[in-house]
């Protein structure tokens, strides 16, 4: 398969124009989003839906967040990633496969239908994770495009995926919220450096390969004109395009910041061999087996259980 977005190069990196559409064959009549929301996403590379979940639903989500953290506190499973130099949980991956509650949440029709609307096709979960950023100790995530890593290390062919971040604790400007450069999804930033085998073992804690150079970040900021932050109350939801440049600061406030991520990939954009000359990352990071479209489900969040309505 032709590599449309070469990266991990030697020498000076280039900034390439995007070769894929942003909204994939969809109009306002094809899904739940209004035209102004589609236009905002196409222009900025993200869409923030404040108070997407009710206060009662947020209580259930927060209970399940706490339960998941407690369940994994002593776990030595590879999908539980801890902070460098500490025992604090940084991320729990593959929650749509290893946690019944979050498995059901990943098929919630209100979320899935938005992903389908943006991607113009049926979707599946390419990756899921809970990011914990505890007060005082939570480390940051440096600027990066998810697609660059998914393309080079997982073999995602095209920019036809969207991340859904469900905010599980209030996100303030001072507790390490996600930062985004609007308009950056229109450009692909090549990165410098050779990808080592099993790079994920280090990169899931702190990424050094596959990150953009300072000049490219500055260029994107000059084009976009600003940095936006995904701040809002628990229960809000952020959808952001796979190639949107984003990152976050460390959390030195007392208040935790935790989100659950579901990465929806088009069923027409399934993973192939990695475009870097490395072995594919493990299944808990990038799903490539037993792929089938999600069947959106309607359910109510009630205490600690999800009840599906047939």
C-alpha atoms as a PDB file:
ATOM      1  CA  UNK A   1       0.000   0.000   0.000  1.00  0.00           C
ATOM      2  CA  UNK A   2       1.300   3.437  -0.924  1.00  0.00           C
ATOM      3  CA  UNK A   3       2.458   5.509   2.034  1.00  0.00           C
ATOM      4  CA  UNK A   4       0.684   8.859   1.758  1.00  0.00           C
ATOM      5  CA  UNK A   5       2.239  10.259   4.932  1.00  0.00           C
ATOM      6  CA  UNK A   6       5.908   9.363   5.308  1.00  0.00           C
ATOM      7  CA  UNK A   7       7.474  10.134   8.682  1.00  0.00           C
ATOM      8  CA  UNK A   8      10.239   9.091  11.108  1.00  0.00           C
ATOM      9  CA  UNK A   9      12.735  10.437   8.582  1.00  0.00           C
ATOM     10  CA  UNK A  10      16.374  11.536   8.708  1.00  0.00           C
ATOM     11  CA  UNK A  11      17.318  15.167   8.201  1.00  0.00           C
ATOM     12  CA  UNK A  12      14.922  18.095   8.085  1.00  0.00           C
ATOM     13  CA  UNK A  13      11.193  17.371   8.405  1.00  0.00           C
ATOM     14  CA  UNK A  14       8.550  18.790   6.076  1.00  0.00           C
ATOM     15  CA  UNK A  15       4.940  19.802   6.597  1.00  0.00           C
ATOM     16  CA  UNK A  16       2.643  18.071   4.109  1.00  0.00           C
ATOM     17  CA  UNK A  17      -0.890  19.050   3.161  1.00  0.00           C
ATOM     18  CA  UNK A  18      -3.572  16.596   4.167  1.00  0.00           C
ATOM     19  CA  UNK A  19      -4.616  14.194   1.384  1.00  0.00           C
ATOM     20  CA  UNK A  20      -7.823  12.901   2.993  1.00  0.00           C
ATOM     21  CA  UNK A  21     -11.172  14.639   3.455  1.00  0.00           C
ATOM     22  CA  UNK A  22     -12.080  15.840   6.945  1.00  0.00           C
ATOM     23  CA  UNK A  23     -15.838  15.239   6.768  1.00  0.00           C
ATOM     24  CA  UNK A  24     -16.308  11.995   4.848  1.00  0.00           C
ATOM     25  CA  UNK A  25     -19.298  12.112   2.496  1.00  0.00           C
ATOM     26  CA  UNK A  26     -21.686  13.404   5.163  1.00  0.00           C
ATOM     27  CA  UNK A  27     -24.209  16.224   5.304  1.00  0.00           C
ATOM     28  CA  UNK A  28     -26.326  17.469   8.187  1.00  0.00           C
ATOM     29  CA  UNK A  29     -29.120  15.156   7.024  1.00  0.00           C
ATOM     30  CA  UNK A  30     -26.970  12.056   7.527  1.00  0.00           C
ATOM     31  CA  UNK A  31     -26.606  12.136  11.316  1.00  0.00           C
ATOM     32  CA  UNK A  32     -27.164  13.924  14.617  1.00  0.00           C
ATOM     33  CA  UNK A  33     -24.797  16.869  14.087  1.00  0.00           C
ATOM     34  CA  UNK A  34     -26.021  20.232  12.834  1.00  0.00           C
ATOM     35  CA  UNK A  35     -24.356  21.861   9.848  1.00  0.00           C
ATOM     36  CA  UNK A  36     -22.682  24.471  12.043  1.00  0.00           C
ATOM     37  CA  UNK A  37     -21.139  21.666  14.113  1.00  0.00           C
ATOM     38  CA  UNK A  38     -19.862  19.903  10.998  1.00  0.00           C
ATOM     39  CA  UNK A  39     -18.424  23.201   9.753  1.00  0.00           C
ATOM     40  CA  UNK A  40     -16.713  23.876  13.094  1.00  0.00           C
ATOM     41  CA  UNK A  41     -15.166  20.398  13.135  1.00  0.00           C
ATOM     42  CA  UNK A  42     -13.974  20.725   9.548  1.00  0.00           C
ATOM     43  CA  UNK A  43     -12.359  24.095  10.261  1.00  0.00           C
ATOM     44  CA  UNK A  44     -10.892  23.443  13.713  1.00  0.00           C
ATOM     45  CA  UNK A  45     -10.406  19.677  13.924  1.00  0.00           C
ATOM     46  CA  UNK A  46     -12.478  19.148  17.041  1.00  0.00           C
ATOM     47  CA  UNK A  47     -15.971  19.502  18.489  1.00  0.00           C
ATOM     48  CA  UNK A  48     -16.731  20.020  22.194  1.00  0.00           C
ATOM     49  CA  UNK A  49     -20.163  18.952  23.499  1.00  0.00           C
ATOM     50  CA  UNK A  50     -20.620  20.418  26.971  1.00  0.00           C
ATOM     51  CA  UNK A  51     -22.843  18.563  29.472  1.00  0.00           C
ATOM     52  CA  UNK A  52     -23.366  15.696  27.025  1.00  0.00           C
ATOM     53  CA  UNK A  53     -24.244  13.452  29.985  1.00  0.00           C
ATOM     54  CA  UNK A  54     -26.655  14.421  32.743  1.00  0.00           C
ATOM     55  CA  UNK A  55     -25.562  14.958  36.351  1.00  0.00           C
ATOM     56  CA  UNK A  56     -27.096  11.610  37.327  1.00  0.00           C
ATOM     57  CA  UNK A  57     -25.206   9.850  34.541  1.00  0.00           C
ATOM     58  CA  UNK A  58     -21.979  11.590  35.550  1.00  0.00           C
ATOM     59  CA  UNK A  59     -22.287  10.110  39.050  1.00  0.00           C
ATOM     60  CA  UNK A  60     -22.427   6.636  37.554  1.00  0.00           C
ATOM     61  CA  UNK A  61     -19.486   7.359  35.243  1.00  0.00           C
ATOM     62  CA  UNK A  62     -17.417   8.595  38.180  1.00  0.00           C
ATOM     63  CA  UNK A  63     -18.293   5.525  40.253  1.00  0.00           C
ATOM     64  CA  UNK A  64     -17.154   3.299  37.403  1.00  0.00           C
ATOM     65  CA  UNK A  65     -13.972   5.347  36.976  1.00  0.00           C
ATOM     66  CA  UNK A  66     -13.118   4.841  40.654  1.00  0.00           C
ATOM     67  CA  UNK A  67     -13.966   1.146  40.457  1.00  0.00           C
ATOM     68  CA  UNK A  68     -11.733   0.652  37.411  1.00  0.00           C
ATOM     69  CA  UNK A  69      -8.816   2.372  39.117  1.00  0.00           C
ATOM     70  CA  UNK A  70      -9.292   0.258  42.255  1.00  0.00           C
ATOM     71  CA  UNK A  71      -9.584  -2.936  40.192  1.00  0.00           C
ATOM     72  CA  UNK A  72      -6.284  -2.191  38.458  1.00  0.00           C
ATOM     73  CA  UNK A  73      -4.346  -0.728  41.381  1.00  0.00           C
ATOM     74  CA  UNK A  74      -2.299  -3.890  41.931  1.00  0.00           C
ATOM     75  CA  UNK A  75      -2.500  -5.209  38.393  1.00  0.00           C
ATOM     76  CA  UNK A  76       0.604  -6.181  36.464  1.00  0.00           C
ATOM     77  CA  UNK A  77      -1.257  -6.567  33.175  1.00  0.00           C
ATOM     78  CA  UNK A  78       0.543  -4.914  30.248  1.00  0.00           C
ATOM     79  CA  UNK A  79      -2.496  -2.773  29.467  1.00  0.00           C
ATOM     80  CA  UNK A  80      -2.073  -0.980  32.827  1.00  0.00           C
ATOM     81  CA  UNK A  81       0.555   1.738  32.258  1.00  0.00           C
ATOM     82  CA  UNK A  82       2.144   3.486  35.214  1.00  0.00           C
ATOM     83  CA  UNK A  83       3.953   6.802  35.463  1.00  0.00           C
ATOM     84  CA  UNK A  84       7.696   6.807  34.913  1.00  0.00           C
ATOM     85  CA  UNK A  85       9.500   6.540  38.232  1.00  0.00           C
ATOM     86  CA  UNK A  86       6.328   5.954  40.219  1.00  0.00           C
ATOM     87  CA  UNK A  87       3.500   3.525  40.912  1.00  0.00           C
ATOM     88  CA  UNK A  88       0.632   5.839  39.939  1.00  0.00           C
ATOM     89  CA  UNK A  89      -1.573   4.586  37.119  1.00  0.00           C
ATOM     90  CA  UNK A  90      -1.159   6.720  33.987  1.00  0.00           C
ATOM     91  CA  UNK A  91      -3.497   4.835  31.648  1.00  0.00           C
ATOM     92  CA  UNK A  92      -5.584   1.687  31.452  1.00  0.00           C
ATOM     93  CA  UNK A  93      -5.873   0.538  27.845  1.00  0.00           C
ATOM     94  CA  UNK A  94      -8.365  -1.717  26.075  1.00  0.00           C
ATOM     95  CA  UNK A  95     -11.195  -0.916  28.488  1.00  0.00           C
ATOM     96  CA  UNK A  96     -13.791  -1.709  25.817  1.00  0.00           C
ATOM     97  CA  UNK A  97     -12.540  -5.307  25.900  1.00  0.00           C
ATOM     98  CA  UNK A  98     -11.567  -5.830  29.549  1.00  0.00           C
ATOM     99  CA  UNK A  99     -14.270  -3.889  31.403  1.00  0.00           C
ATOM    100  CA  UNK A 100     -17.972  -4.669  30.929  1.00  0.00           C
ATOM    101  CA  UNK A 101     -19.210  -1.202  31.798  1.00  0.00           C
ATOM    102  CA  UNK A 102     -16.866   0.592  29.407  1.00  0.00           C
ATOM    103  CA  UNK A 103     -17.498  -2.049  26.755  1.00  0.00           C
ATOM    104  CA  UNK A 104     -21.172  -1.098  26.846  1.00  0.00           C
ATOM    105  CA  UNK A 105     -20.357   2.615  26.969  1.00  0.00           C
ATOM    106  CA  UNK A 106     -18.265   2.286  23.786  1.00  0.00           C
ATOM    107  CA  UNK A 107     -21.390   1.263  21.866  1.00  0.00           C
ATOM    108  CA  UNK A 108     -23.618   4.049  23.250  1.00  0.00           C
ATOM    109  CA  UNK A 109     -25.653   5.214  20.271  1.00  0.00           C
ATOM    110  CA  UNK A 110     -25.364   8.958  20.966  1.00  0.00           C
ATOM    111  CA  UNK A 111     -21.572   8.689  20.730  1.00  0.00           C
ATOM    112  CA  UNK A 112     -21.309   6.101  17.958  1.00  0.00           C
ATOM    113  CA  UNK A 113     -23.732   7.949  15.694  1.00  0.00           C
ATOM    114  CA  UNK A 114     -21.642  11.126  15.909  1.00  0.00           C
ATOM    115  CA  UNK A 115     -18.514   9.147  14.978  1.00  0.00           C
ATOM    116  CA  UNK A 116     -20.352   7.571  12.056  1.00  0.00           C
ATOM    117  CA  UNK A 117     -21.555  11.005  10.954  1.00  0.00           C
ATOM    118  CA  UNK A 118     -18.039  12.449  10.932  1.00  0.00           C
ATOM    119  CA  UNK A 119     -16.422   9.439   9.258  1.00  0.00           C
ATOM    120  CA  UNK A 120     -19.182   8.674   6.759  1.00  0.00           C
ATOM    121  CA  UNK A 121     -19.241   4.939   7.476  1.00  0.00           C
ATOM    122  CA  UNK A 122     -19.724   2.301  10.110  1.00  0.00           C
ATOM    123  CA  UNK A 123     -17.032   2.333  12.771  1.00  0.00           C
ATOM    124  CA  UNK A 124     -15.147   0.089  15.173  1.00  0.00           C
ATOM    125  CA  UNK A 125     -12.987   0.743  18.240  1.00  0.00           C
ATOM    126  CA  UNK A 126      -9.344   0.985  17.216  1.00  0.00           C
ATOM    127  CA  UNK A 127      -8.144   1.845  20.734  1.00  0.00           C
ATOM    128  CA  UNK A 128      -9.657   2.635  24.114  1.00  0.00           C
ATOM    129  CA  UNK A 129      -8.125   3.844  27.338  1.00  0.00           C
ATOM    130  CA  UNK A 130      -8.737   5.697  30.561  1.00  0.00           C
ATOM    131  CA  UNK A 131      -6.189   8.412  31.288  1.00  0.00           C
ATOM    132  CA  UNK A 132      -5.720   9.155  34.962  1.00  0.00           C
ATOM    133  CA  UNK A 133      -3.951  12.386  35.858  1.00  0.00           C
ATOM    134  CA  UNK A 134      -3.951  12.574  39.658  1.00  0.00           C
ATOM    135  CA  UNK A 135      -3.511  15.820  41.510  1.00  0.00           C
ATOM    136  CA  UNK A 136       0.097  16.908  42.175  1.00  0.00           C
ATOM    137  CA  UNK A 137       1.542  13.897  40.305  1.00  0.00           C
ATOM    138  CA  UNK A 138      -0.082  13.530  36.885  1.00  0.00           C
ATOM    139  CA  UNK A 139       2.452  13.948  34.079  1.00  0.00           C
ATOM    140  CA  UNK A 140       1.781  15.725  30.793  1.00  0.00           C
ATOM    141  CA  UNK A 141       1.577  14.527  27.192  1.00  0.00           C
ATOM    142  CA  UNK A 142       3.819  16.381  24.726  1.00  0.00           C
ATOM    143  CA  UNK A 143       2.463  17.777  21.436  1.00  0.00           C
ATOM    144  CA  UNK A 144       1.661  15.025  18.954  1.00  0.00           C
ATOM    145  CA  UNK A 145      -0.664  13.886  16.214  1.00  0.00           C
ATOM    146  CA  UNK A 146      -2.239  10.540  17.073  1.00  0.00           C
ATOM    147  CA  UNK A 147      -2.428   9.677  13.396  1.00  0.00           C
ATOM    148  CA  UNK A 148       1.337   9.937  12.991  1.00  0.00           C
ATOM    149  CA  UNK A 149       1.820   7.169  15.546  1.00  0.00           C
ATOM    150  CA  UNK A 150      -1.152   5.114  14.396  1.00  0.00           C
ATOM    151  CA  UNK A 151       0.094   5.338  10.815  1.00  0.00           C
ATOM    152  CA  UNK A 152       3.738   4.549  11.460  1.00  0.00           C
ATOM    153  CA  UNK A 153       3.463   2.020  14.300  1.00  0.00           C
ATOM    154  CA  UNK A 154      -0.003   0.501  13.761  1.00  0.00           C
ATOM    155  CA  UNK A 155      -0.520   0.737  10.002  1.00  0.00           C
ATOM    156  CA  UNK A 156      -3.579   3.027   9.878  1.00  0.00           C
ATOM    157  CA  UNK A 157      -3.675   3.909   6.153  1.00  0.00           C
ATOM    158  CA  UNK A 158      -5.682   7.137   6.089  1.00  0.00           C
ATOM    159  CA  UNK A 159      -6.920   9.974   8.276  1.00  0.00           C
ATOM    160  CA  UNK A 160     -10.367   8.537   8.838  1.00  0.00           C
ATOM    161  CA  UNK A 161     -10.589   8.140  12.601  1.00  0.00           C
ATOM    162  CA  UNK A 162     -11.921  10.290  15.433  1.00  0.00           C
ATOM    163  CA  UNK A 163     -11.146  10.254  19.152  1.00  0.00           C
ATOM    164  CA  UNK A 164     -13.986  10.631  21.622  1.00  0.00           C
ATOM    165  CA  UNK A 165     -12.859  11.872  25.044  1.00  0.00           C
ATOM    166  CA  UNK A 166     -15.479  11.659  27.779  1.00  0.00           C
ATOM    167  CA  UNK A 167     -14.568  14.018  30.612  1.00  0.00           C
ATOM    168  CA  UNK A 168     -15.007  12.133  33.887  1.00  0.00           C
ATOM    169  CA  UNK A 169     -13.735  14.848  36.250  1.00  0.00           C
ATOM    170  CA  UNK A 170     -14.112  18.596  35.866  1.00  0.00           C
ATOM    171  CA  UNK A 171     -11.407  19.864  33.491  1.00  0.00           C
ATOM    172  CA  UNK A 172     -10.044  23.264  34.484  1.00  0.00           C
ATOM    173  CA  UNK A 173      -7.324  25.369  32.900  1.00  0.00           C
ATOM    174  CA  UNK A 174      -5.011  24.438  35.778  1.00  0.00           C
ATOM    175  CA  UNK A 175      -5.356  20.631  36.125  1.00  0.00           C
ATOM    176  CA  UNK A 176      -3.831  19.574  32.835  1.00  0.00           C
ATOM    177  CA  UNK A 177      -6.686  19.708  30.283  1.00  0.00           C
ATOM    178  CA  UNK A 178      -6.206  18.657  26.686  1.00  0.00           C
ATOM    179  CA  UNK A 179      -4.758  21.451  24.526  1.00  0.00           C
ATOM    180  CA  UNK A 180      -5.419  21.607  20.784  1.00  0.00           C
ATOM    181  CA  UNK A 181      -4.095  23.698  17.890  1.00  0.00           C
ATOM    182  CA  UNK A 182      -7.123  24.501  15.707  1.00  0.00           C
ATOM    183  CA  UNK A 183      -6.632  23.863  12.006  1.00  0.00           C
ATOM    184  CA  UNK A 184      -3.573  21.672  12.579  1.00  0.00           C
ATOM    185  CA  UNK A 185      -5.452  18.621  11.281  1.00  0.00           C
ATOM    186  CA  UNK A 186      -5.117  20.043   7.757  1.00  0.00           C
ATOM    187  CA  UNK A 187      -1.356  19.408   7.747  1.00  0.00           C
ATOM    188  CA  UNK A 188       0.793  16.353   8.380  1.00  0.00           C
ATOM    189  CA  UNK A 189       3.996  17.054  10.259  1.00  0.00           C
ATOM    190  CA  UNK A 190       6.819  14.665   9.473  1.00  0.00           C
ATOM    191  CA  UNK A 191       8.836  13.609  12.510  1.00  0.00           C
ATOM    192  CA  UNK A 192      12.532  12.811  12.726  1.00  0.00           C
ATOM    193  CA  UNK A 193      14.020   9.620  14.126  1.00  0.00           C
ATOM    194  CA  UNK A 194      14.051   5.873  13.606  1.00  0.00           C
ATOM    195  CA  UNK A 195      11.385   3.839  15.401  1.00  0.00           C
ATOM    196  CA  UNK A 196      12.861   1.194  17.730  1.00  0.00           C
ATOM    197  CA  UNK A 197      11.217  -2.188  18.225  1.00  0.00           C
ATOM    198  CA  UNK A 198       8.706  -2.281  21.081  1.00  0.00           C
ATOM    199  CA  UNK A 199       8.707   1.501  21.180  1.00  0.00           C
ATOM    200  CA  UNK A 200       5.294   1.409  22.870  1.00  0.00           C
ATOM    201  CA  UNK A 201       6.875   0.197  26.119  1.00  0.00           C
ATOM    202  CA  UNK A 202       8.445   3.630  26.494  1.00  0.00           C
ATOM    203  CA  UNK A 203       6.140   5.854  24.449  1.00  0.00           C
ATOM    204  CA  UNK A 204       2.978   5.048  26.442  1.00  0.00           C
ATOM    205  CA  UNK A 205       4.722   6.633  29.434  1.00  0.00           C
ATOM    206  CA  UNK A 206       6.611   9.403  27.630  1.00  0.00           C
ATOM    207  CA  UNK A 207       6.907   9.777  23.873  1.00  0.00           C
ATOM    208  CA  UNK A 208      10.169  10.963  22.326  1.00  0.00           C
ATOM    209  CA  UNK A 209       9.938   9.431  18.822  1.00  0.00           C
ATOM    210  CA  UNK A 210       7.048  10.596  16.651  1.00  0.00           C
ATOM    211  CA  UNK A 211       6.856  14.065  18.181  1.00  0.00           C
ATOM    212  CA  UNK A 212       7.066  17.224  16.043  1.00  0.00           C
ATOM    213  CA  UNK A 213       9.964  19.649  16.045  1.00  0.00           C
ATOM    214  CA  UNK A 214       9.596  23.108  17.606  1.00  0.00           C
ATOM    215  CA  UNK A 215       9.587  24.971  14.282  1.00  0.00           C
ATOM    216  CA  UNK A 216       6.676  22.885  12.991  1.00  0.00           C
ATOM    217  CA  UNK A 217       4.650  23.474  16.153  1.00  0.00           C
ATOM    218  CA  UNK A 218       5.317  27.195  15.886  1.00  0.00           C
ATOM    219  CA  UNK A 219       4.238  27.161  12.218  1.00  0.00           C
ATOM    220  CA  UNK A 220       0.996  25.358  13.076  1.00  0.00           C
ATOM    221  CA  UNK A 221       0.306  27.837  15.872  1.00  0.00           C
ATOM    222  CA  UNK A 222       0.868  30.789  13.540  1.00  0.00           C
ATOM    223  CA  UNK A 223      -1.567  29.226  11.042  1.00  0.00           C
ATOM    224  CA  UNK A 224      -4.169  28.386  13.698  1.00  0.00           C
ATOM    225  CA  UNK A 225      -3.733  31.618  15.619  1.00  0.00           C
ATOM    226  CA  UNK A 226      -4.338  30.178  19.077  1.00  0.00           C
ATOM    227  CA  UNK A 227      -4.274  27.167  21.386  1.00  0.00           C
ATOM    228  CA  UNK A 228      -7.645  25.945  22.618  1.00  0.00           C
ATOM    229  CA  UNK A 229      -8.186  23.969  25.824  1.00  0.00           C
ATOM    230  CA  UNK A 230     -10.884  21.365  26.374  1.00  0.00           C
ATOM    231  CA  UNK A 231     -12.143  22.694  29.697  1.00  0.00           C
ATOM    232  CA  UNK A 232     -15.583  21.947  31.004  1.00  0.00           C
ATOM    233  CA  UNK A 233     -17.605  20.033  33.569  1.00  0.00           C
ATOM    234  CA  UNK A 234     -17.564  16.287  33.994  1.00  0.00           C
ATOM    235  CA  UNK A 235     -19.951  14.702  31.507  1.00  0.00           C
ATOM    236  CA  UNK A 236     -18.808  16.852  28.595  1.00  0.00           C
ATOM    237  CA  UNK A 237     -17.448  15.107  25.506  1.00  0.00           C
ATOM    238  CA  UNK A 238     -14.699  16.110  23.081  1.00  0.00           C
ATOM    239  CA  UNK A 239     -14.474  14.699  19.562  1.00  0.00           C
ATOM    240  CA  UNK A 240     -11.171  15.439  17.845  1.00  0.00           C
ATOM    241  CA  UNK A 241      -9.792  14.444  14.462  1.00  0.00           C
ATOM    242  CA  UNK A 242      -7.041  11.832  14.318  1.00  0.00           C
ATOM    243  CA  UNK A 243      -4.462  14.298  12.963  1.00  0.00           C
ATOM    244  CA  UNK A 244      -5.217  17.260  15.242  1.00  0.00           C
ATOM    245  CA  UNK A 245      -2.064  18.377  17.066  1.00  0.00           C
ATOM    246  CA  UNK A 246      -2.694  18.160  20.804  1.00  0.00           C
ATOM    247  CA  UNK A 247      -1.035  17.647  24.173  1.00  0.00           C
ATOM    248  CA  UNK A 248      -1.442  18.529  27.841  1.00  0.00           C
ATOM    249  CA  UNK A 249       0.490  19.953  30.765  1.00  0.00           C
ATOM    250  CA  UNK A 250       1.368  18.145  33.964  1.00  0.00           C
ATOM    251  CA  UNK A 251      -1.182  18.436  36.753  1.00  0.00           C
ATOM    252  CA  UNK A 252       0.353  20.261  39.721  1.00  0.00           C
ATOM    253  CA  UNK A 253      -3.061  21.231  41.104  1.00  0.00           C
ATOM    254  CA  UNK A 254      -4.734  19.192  43.874  1.00  0.00           C
ATOM    255  CA  UNK A 255      -7.586  18.244  41.530  1.00  0.00           C
ATOM    256  CA  UNK A 256      -7.443  15.066  39.415  1.00  0.00           C
ATOM    257  CA  UNK A 257      -8.182  15.046  35.689  1.00  0.00           C
ATOM    258  CA  UNK A 258      -9.446  11.799  34.222  1.00  0.00           C
ATOM    259  CA  UNK A 259     -10.977  11.047  30.833  1.00  0.00           C
ATOM    260  CA  UNK A 260     -12.001   7.904  28.974  1.00  0.00           C
ATOM    261  CA  UNK A 261     -11.014   7.744  25.293  1.00  0.00           C
ATOM    262  CA  UNK A 262     -12.665   5.734  22.561  1.00  0.00           C
ATOM    263  CA  UNK A 263     -10.935   5.911  19.185  1.00  0.00           C
ATOM    264  CA  UNK A 264     -13.449   5.234  16.425  1.00  0.00           C
ATOM    265  CA  UNK A 265     -11.934   4.145  13.121  1.00  0.00           C
ATOM    266  CA  UNK A 266     -13.836   3.752   9.864  1.00  0.00           C
ATOM    267  CA  UNK A 267     -14.534   0.139   8.994  1.00  0.00           C
ATOM    268  CA  UNK A 268     -13.097   1.096   5.590  1.00  0.00           C
ATOM    269  CA  UNK A 269      -9.774   2.147   7.178  1.00  0.00           C
ATOM    270  CA  UNK A 270      -8.691  -1.034   8.960  1.00  0.00           C
ATOM    271  CA  UNK A 271      -5.064  -1.414   9.963  1.00  0.00           C
ATOM    272  CA  UNK A 272      -2.436  -2.868   7.628  1.00  0.00           C
ATOM    273  CA  UNK A 273       1.265  -3.458   8.274  1.00  0.00           C
ATOM    274  CA  UNK A 274       2.972  -0.560  10.091  1.00  0.00           C
ATOM    275  CA  UNK A 275       4.488   2.047   7.762  1.00  0.00           C
ATOM    276  CA  UNK A 276       7.586   2.149   9.982  1.00  0.00           C
ATOM    277  CA  UNK A 277       9.805  -0.888   9.614  1.00  0.00           C
ATOM    278  CA  UNK A 278       8.737  -2.382  12.946  1.00  0.00           C
ATOM    279  CA  UNK A 279       6.463  -5.103  14.284  1.00  0.00           C
ATOM    280  CA  UNK A 280       2.844  -4.117  14.925  1.00  0.00           C
ATOM    281  CA  UNK A 281       2.072  -2.916  18.430  1.00  0.00           C
ATOM    282  CA  UNK A 282       0.101  -5.304  20.674  1.00  0.00           C
ATOM    283  CA  UNK A 283      -3.627  -5.752  20.446  1.00  0.00           C
ATOM    284  CA  UNK A 284      -4.373  -3.813  23.631  1.00  0.00           C
ATOM    285  CA  UNK A 285      -2.928  -0.681  21.970  1.00  0.00           C
ATOM    286  CA  UNK A 286      -4.258  -1.187  18.428  1.00  0.00           C
ATOM    287  CA  UNK A 287      -7.121  -3.563  17.684  1.00  0.00           C
ATOM    288  CA  UNK A 288      -6.631  -5.524  14.455  1.00  0.00           C
ATOM    289  CA  UNK A 289      -8.348  -8.879  15.072  1.00  0.00           C
ATOM    290  CA  UNK A 290     -12.048  -9.782  15.119  1.00  0.00           C
ATOM    291  CA  UNK A 291     -12.927  -6.384  13.659  1.00  0.00           C
ATOM    292  CA  UNK A 292     -16.617  -5.792  13.035  1.00  0.00           C
ATOM    293  CA  UNK A 293     -18.808  -2.679  12.945  1.00  0.00           C
ATOM    294  CA  UNK A 294     -20.298  -1.460  16.198  1.00  0.00           C
ATOM    295  CA  UNK A 295     -24.034  -1.862  16.524  1.00  0.00           C
ATOM    296  CA  UNK A 296     -25.133   1.320  18.327  1.00  0.00           C
ATOM    297  CA  UNK A 297     -27.197   0.597  21.427  1.00  0.00           C
ATOM    298  CA  UNK A 298     -29.621   2.667  23.437  1.00  0.00           C
ATOM    299  CA  UNK A 299     -29.311   2.326  27.199  1.00  0.00           C
ATOM    300  CA  UNK A 300     -29.824   4.095  30.495  1.00  0.00           C
ATOM    301  CA  UNK A 301     -27.073   4.572  33.049  1.00  0.00           C
ATOM    302  CA  UNK A 302     -28.550   3.427  36.349  1.00  0.00           C
ATOM    303  CA  UNK A 303     -26.317   3.194  39.376  1.00  0.00           C
ATOM    304  CA  UNK A 304     -23.444   0.840  38.500  1.00  0.00           C
ATOM    305  CA  UNK A 305     -25.154  -1.123  35.723  1.00  0.00           C
ATOM    306  CA  UNK A 306     -25.956  -0.530  32.084  1.00  0.00           C
ATOM    307  CA  UNK A 307     -29.368  -1.763  31.037  1.00  0.00           C
ATOM    308  CA  UNK A 308     -29.779  -2.299  27.326  1.00  0.00           C
ATOM    309  CA  UNK A 309     -33.164  -1.720  25.743  1.00  0.00           C
ATOM    310  CA  UNK A 310     -33.787  -4.199  22.958  1.00  0.00           C
END
